[in-house]
Protein backbone atom coordinates (compact mmCIF):
# COMPACT_ATOMS: atom_id res chain seq x y z
CA MET A 1 -9.88 239.04 77.33
CA THR A 2 -7.45 236.60 75.78
CA ALA A 3 -6.97 235.26 72.31
CA THR A 4 -8.52 231.96 73.37
CA THR A 5 -11.80 233.30 74.76
CA LEU A 6 -13.20 235.30 71.87
CA PRO A 7 -16.85 236.38 71.72
CA THR A 8 -17.03 235.85 67.96
CA PRO A 9 -19.97 233.44 67.54
CA ALA A 10 -18.75 229.87 67.29
CA ASP A 11 -21.30 229.12 64.57
CA LEU A 12 -20.42 232.16 62.46
CA SER A 13 -19.82 231.30 58.82
CA ILE A 14 -18.12 233.96 56.71
CA THR A 15 -19.47 233.23 53.24
CA PRO A 16 -18.38 235.29 50.23
CA ARG A 17 -21.29 236.28 47.99
CA ASP A 18 -19.72 236.60 44.56
CA ARG A 19 -21.99 239.18 42.96
CA ARG A 20 -21.47 241.66 40.13
CA PHE A 21 -23.22 245.00 39.86
CA GLY A 22 -23.97 247.45 37.10
CA ARG A 23 -21.99 245.90 34.29
CA ASP A 24 -24.78 246.37 31.74
CA ALA A 25 -25.84 249.95 32.38
CA ASP A 26 -24.31 253.40 32.58
CA LEU A 27 -24.22 255.06 35.99
CA THR A 28 -26.45 258.10 36.32
CA ARG A 29 -24.19 260.92 37.49
CA LEU A 30 -26.33 261.87 40.49
CA TRP A 31 -27.36 258.29 41.12
CA HIS A 32 -28.46 258.88 44.71
CA GLY A 33 -31.88 260.43 44.15
CA GLY A 34 -30.44 263.34 42.18
CA ARG A 35 -28.84 264.63 45.39
CA VAL A 36 -25.34 265.99 44.95
CA GLU A 37 -24.33 265.59 48.60
CA ALA A 38 -25.63 262.02 48.94
CA THR A 39 -23.96 260.94 45.70
CA ALA A 40 -20.73 262.63 46.78
CA ILE A 41 -20.28 260.90 50.14
CA TYR A 42 -20.95 257.43 48.76
CA ASN A 43 -18.66 258.06 45.79
CA ALA A 44 -16.01 259.36 48.17
CA LEU A 45 -16.29 256.20 50.26
CA SER A 46 -16.14 253.97 47.20
CA ALA A 47 -12.97 255.70 46.04
CA THR A 48 -11.21 254.39 49.17
CA PHE A 49 -12.17 250.73 48.86
CA PRO A 50 -9.98 249.18 46.13
CA ILE A 51 -6.81 250.54 47.74
CA GLY A 52 -7.98 250.34 51.32
CA GLU A 53 -9.31 246.81 51.29
CA ALA A 54 -6.14 245.48 49.68
CA TYR A 55 -4.33 247.06 52.63
CA PHE A 56 -6.70 245.40 55.12
CA VAL A 57 -6.00 242.00 53.60
CA GLU A 58 -2.24 242.54 53.68
CA SER A 59 -2.34 243.69 57.30
CA VAL A 60 -4.39 240.77 58.60
CA ARG A 61 -2.71 238.06 56.54
CA ALA A 62 0.64 238.99 58.09
CA PHE A 63 -0.56 237.21 61.25
CA ARG A 64 -2.32 234.23 59.72
CA GLU A 65 0.57 231.80 60.04
CA GLY A 66 0.38 230.09 63.41
CA ALA A 67 -3.03 231.52 64.23
CA PRO A 68 -5.68 229.23 65.78
CA PRO A 69 -7.38 227.17 63.03
CA LYS A 70 -10.75 228.93 63.24
CA LEU A 71 -9.14 232.36 63.03
CA ALA A 72 -6.90 231.25 60.16
CA GLU A 73 -9.96 230.05 58.25
CA GLU A 74 -11.80 233.30 58.95
CA ILE A 75 -8.81 235.27 57.66
CA LYS A 76 -9.05 233.27 54.41
CA ALA A 77 -12.75 234.08 54.08
CA PHE A 78 -12.11 237.72 54.98
CA THR A 79 -9.49 237.86 52.23
CA THR A 80 -11.93 236.50 49.66
CA GLN A 81 -14.72 238.88 50.63
CA GLU A 82 -12.43 241.91 50.57
CA ALA A 83 -11.00 240.94 47.20
CA ILE A 84 -14.49 240.79 45.71
CA HIS A 85 -15.39 244.11 47.34
CA SER A 86 -12.32 245.70 45.76
CA ARG A 87 -13.31 244.32 42.36
CA GLU A 88 -16.86 245.62 42.54
CA HIS A 89 -15.94 249.06 43.83
CA ASP A 90 -13.23 249.35 41.20
CA ALA A 91 -15.93 248.67 38.60
CA PHE A 92 -18.23 251.19 40.27
CA ASN A 93 -15.47 253.82 40.39
CA LYS A 94 -14.80 253.35 36.69
CA ARG A 95 -18.49 253.90 35.98
CA ALA A 96 -18.42 257.03 38.13
CA ALA A 97 -15.44 258.25 36.09
CA VAL A 98 -17.34 257.59 32.86
CA SER A 99 -20.21 259.65 34.24
CA GLY A 100 -17.78 262.56 34.62
CA TYR A 101 -16.19 262.38 38.07
CA ASP A 102 -12.45 262.60 38.63
CA LEU A 103 -11.64 260.42 41.66
CA SER A 104 -7.87 260.64 41.28
CA LYS A 105 -7.34 263.18 44.07
CA LEU A 106 -9.35 261.05 46.48
CA GLU A 107 -7.50 257.88 45.54
CA GLN A 108 -4.13 259.59 45.90
CA ARG A 109 -5.08 260.79 49.36
CA VAL A 110 -5.79 257.21 50.43
CA SER A 111 -2.47 256.04 48.98
CA ASP A 112 -0.60 258.80 50.79
CA ARG A 113 -2.22 257.97 54.13
CA LEU A 114 -1.51 254.26 53.79
CA ALA A 115 2.08 254.84 52.70
CA ILE A 116 2.72 256.38 56.11
CA THR A 117 1.01 253.54 57.97
CA LYS A 118 2.75 250.84 55.95
CA SER A 119 6.10 252.20 57.10
CA ARG A 120 5.18 251.24 60.66
CA PRO A 121 5.50 247.77 62.28
CA PRO A 122 2.92 245.13 61.24
CA ILE A 123 1.11 245.36 64.57
CA VAL A 124 0.35 249.04 63.89
CA ASN A 125 -1.15 248.10 60.54
CA VAL A 126 -3.40 245.54 62.22
CA ALA A 127 -4.47 248.16 64.74
CA ALA A 128 -5.32 250.59 61.93
CA THR A 129 -7.20 247.89 60.04
CA MET A 130 -9.10 246.93 63.18
CA ALA A 131 -10.16 250.56 63.72
CA LEU A 132 -11.22 251.05 60.10
CA GLU A 133 -13.08 247.74 60.08
CA HIS A 134 -15.03 248.94 63.11
CA PHE A 135 -15.95 252.06 61.15
CA THR A 136 -17.12 250.04 58.17
CA ALA A 137 -19.07 247.63 60.40
CA ILE A 138 -21.01 250.31 62.25
CA LEU A 139 -21.68 252.20 59.02
CA ALA A 140 -22.85 248.93 57.49
CA HIS A 141 -25.16 248.22 60.42
CA GLN A 142 -26.76 251.62 60.12
CA LEU A 143 -27.12 251.32 56.35
CA LEU A 144 -28.92 247.96 56.58
CA ALA A 145 -30.97 248.85 59.65
CA ASN A 146 -32.27 252.16 58.30
CA PRO A 147 -33.61 252.15 54.71
CA LYS A 148 -33.64 255.96 54.66
CA HIS A 149 -29.90 256.03 53.94
CA LEU A 150 -30.41 254.60 50.44
CA GLU A 151 -33.87 255.98 49.85
CA GLY A 152 -34.24 257.19 46.26
CA ALA A 153 -30.95 255.67 45.11
CA ASP A 154 -30.47 253.81 41.85
CA PRO A 155 -31.66 250.26 42.72
CA GLU A 156 -28.61 248.43 41.33
CA THR A 157 -26.18 250.76 43.07
CA ALA A 158 -28.14 250.61 46.32
CA ASP A 159 -27.92 246.82 46.17
CA LEU A 160 -24.14 247.08 45.76
CA TRP A 161 -23.98 249.02 49.01
CA ARG A 162 -26.33 246.66 50.86
CA TRP A 163 -24.33 243.64 49.68
CA HIS A 164 -21.08 245.23 50.80
CA ALA A 165 -22.61 246.22 54.13
CA CYS A 166 -23.81 242.67 54.72
CA GLU A 167 -20.35 241.19 54.31
CA GLU A 168 -18.68 243.92 56.37
CA ILE A 169 -20.90 242.96 59.27
CA GLU A 170 -20.24 239.27 58.72
CA HIS A 171 -16.47 239.61 58.98
CA LYS A 172 -16.41 242.48 61.48
CA GLY A 173 -14.58 240.45 64.12
CA VAL A 174 -11.71 239.12 62.00
CA ALA A 175 -9.31 242.06 62.27
CA TYR A 176 -10.13 242.45 65.97
CA ASP A 177 -9.53 238.76 66.69
CA THR A 178 -6.29 238.95 64.73
CA TRP A 179 -5.26 241.88 66.93
CA LEU A 180 -6.11 239.94 70.10
CA TYR A 181 -4.06 237.01 68.84
CA ALA A 182 -1.12 239.19 67.80
CA THR A 183 -1.07 241.02 71.16
CA ARG A 184 -1.85 237.99 73.33
CA ASP A 185 1.30 238.57 75.40
CA TRP A 186 0.66 242.28 75.95
CA PRO A 187 -0.62 243.73 79.24
CA ARG A 188 -4.27 244.73 78.97
CA TYR A 189 -3.59 248.44 79.46
CA LYS A 190 -0.94 248.53 76.72
CA ARG A 191 -3.34 246.83 74.33
CA TRP A 192 -6.08 249.35 75.13
CA LYS A 193 -3.76 252.36 74.93
CA VAL A 194 -2.45 251.46 71.49
CA LYS A 195 -5.85 250.61 70.01
CA ALA A 196 -7.37 253.81 71.47
CA LYS A 197 -4.62 256.05 70.12
CA VAL A 198 -4.83 254.46 66.70
CA MET A 199 -8.63 254.77 66.63
CA LEU A 200 -8.47 258.47 67.47
CA LEU A 201 -5.99 259.07 64.65
CA VAL A 202 -8.03 256.95 62.23
CA THR A 203 -11.19 258.82 63.19
CA ARG A 204 -9.59 262.19 62.60
CA ASN A 205 -8.27 261.13 59.20
CA PHE A 206 -11.52 259.42 58.21
CA LEU A 207 -13.69 262.43 58.97
CA VAL A 208 -11.30 264.96 57.45
CA ASP A 209 -10.59 262.97 54.29
CA ARG A 210 -14.12 261.81 53.55
CA THR A 211 -15.44 265.33 54.09
CA ALA A 212 -12.75 266.84 51.86
CA GLY A 213 -13.32 264.16 49.22
CA SER A 214 -17.07 264.75 49.22
CA LEU A 215 -16.61 268.50 48.89
CA GLU A 216 -14.25 267.95 45.97
CA LEU A 217 -16.82 265.82 44.16
CA MET A 218 -19.54 268.37 44.91
CA ARG A 219 -17.25 271.03 43.44
CA GLN A 220 -17.12 268.96 40.26
CA ASP A 221 -20.91 269.29 40.17
CA GLY A 222 -20.67 273.05 40.59
CA VAL A 223 -21.69 273.14 44.26
CA THR A 224 -19.16 274.97 46.43
CA GLY A 225 -18.74 277.21 49.44
CA LEU A 226 -21.31 277.54 52.17
CA ARG A 227 -23.98 275.72 50.17
CA ALA A 228 -21.77 272.66 49.76
CA TRP A 229 -20.84 272.58 53.46
CA THR A 230 -24.45 273.02 54.54
CA LEU A 231 -25.78 270.27 52.28
CA LEU A 232 -23.05 267.80 53.23
CA LEU A 233 -22.99 268.39 56.98
CA THR A 234 -26.77 268.31 57.16
CA TYR A 235 -26.84 265.02 55.28
CA LEU A 236 -24.11 263.40 57.39
CA TRP A 237 -24.97 264.75 60.82
CA VAL A 238 -28.66 265.73 60.82
CA ARG A 239 -30.89 264.01 58.26
CA PRO A 240 -30.56 261.09 57.66
CA GLY A 241 -27.48 261.67 59.84
CA MET A 242 -25.36 258.57 59.25
CA PHE A 243 -22.34 259.91 61.15
CA ARG A 244 -24.44 261.09 64.08
CA LYS A 245 -26.20 257.75 64.34
CA ILE A 246 -22.97 255.73 64.54
CA ALA A 247 -21.51 257.89 67.33
CA GLY A 248 -22.65 255.60 70.13
CA ALA A 249 -21.32 252.48 68.44
CA TRP A 250 -18.03 254.29 67.76
CA PHE A 251 -17.67 255.19 71.44
CA LYS A 252 -18.15 251.58 72.57
CA TYR A 253 -14.81 250.76 70.94
CA PHE A 254 -13.06 252.41 73.90
CA LEU A 255 -14.94 250.56 76.65
CA PRO A 256 -13.39 247.70 78.63
CA GLY A 257 -14.41 244.33 77.25
CA PHE A 258 -15.32 245.68 73.84
CA HIS A 259 -15.57 243.27 70.94
CA PRO A 260 -17.36 243.84 67.61
CA TRP A 261 -19.57 240.82 68.25
CA ASN A 262 -20.82 242.13 71.58
CA GLU A 263 -23.69 243.14 69.33
CA ASP A 264 -24.84 240.14 67.36
CA ASP A 265 -26.59 241.77 64.41
CA ARG A 266 -26.74 238.75 62.12
CA ILE A 267 -30.48 239.31 61.85
CA LEU A 268 -29.59 242.04 59.35
CA LEU A 269 -27.61 239.54 57.29
CA ARG A 270 -30.46 237.05 57.26
CA ALA A 271 -32.84 239.78 56.13
CA TYR A 272 -30.49 240.77 53.32
CA ASP A 273 -29.94 237.19 52.16
CA ALA A 274 -33.67 236.56 52.18
CA THR A 275 -34.42 239.49 49.91
CA ALA A 276 -31.32 239.80 47.71
CA LYS A 277 -31.95 239.08 44.07
CA VAL A 278 -29.05 236.77 43.36
CA GLU A 279 -28.74 235.61 39.76
CA SER A 280 -28.26 231.90 39.29
CA SER A 281 -24.79 232.43 37.85
CA THR A 282 -23.64 234.00 41.11
CA LYS A 283 -24.82 231.11 43.27
CA ARG A 284 -21.83 228.94 42.37
CA LYS A 285 -19.44 228.01 45.13
CA VAL A 286 -16.77 230.64 45.52
CA ARG A 287 -13.19 229.47 45.61
CA ARG A 288 -11.59 230.77 48.76
CA ALA A 289 -8.48 232.92 48.44
CA ALA A 290 -5.22 231.36 49.53
């Protein structure tokens, strides 16, 4: 596969949906159906986004100059979407803090991980971003495809997650296409070897850090030890089993000819857009980021 024959749909339009969530109401501490483990994993994920998505933007934009026009335009749209995601999750995280959670340890862990990666060459940062974007895309697919994941959640907060999931799917090919462009002169095996090694490291860190972060937040709710582990692992791997259900999509990343858009799941985006309750003030045209 070359940088000039990409399977990203030619008619794909990456369109930022400039929405705001939860500004007028306090966040219920156990907002996810009163369940400590469900609230913890989503809060732990949200704690990563303001820092992490700024890193994604920085990594991808490093290769925008000279990129094919369509890819350059998609990088601009990706930048805008990620900036809005960071804004909304920063607002959510502040509401979680007001409700009594201390996210500082989780945020510091993200900063420490990224400090190591940022010390590497730009191509390594794109590879890490590409791997993490695959994670977010397959999690997003599962979240939109299976309503059980947000069953019982606070409606406004659930809509925040569905909105975010929608846009993660929409721009799921940008980091990967940037990688293909940046490595266009590499032998195929070298390209696969680097992306596979980086994905394995990213996967290890993702699972370890999100589990540790969730357990820390559960501790803040007074749930520790075997009970905490049982609740969390059951929720993530058994029922509803988000991590178990993305395993197949995760594995496809290592197959020859993989591309995020090998699965065209835009039907999920159309379903979201058809049902989302978008206030008239958020329907204005969004100015693209430079």
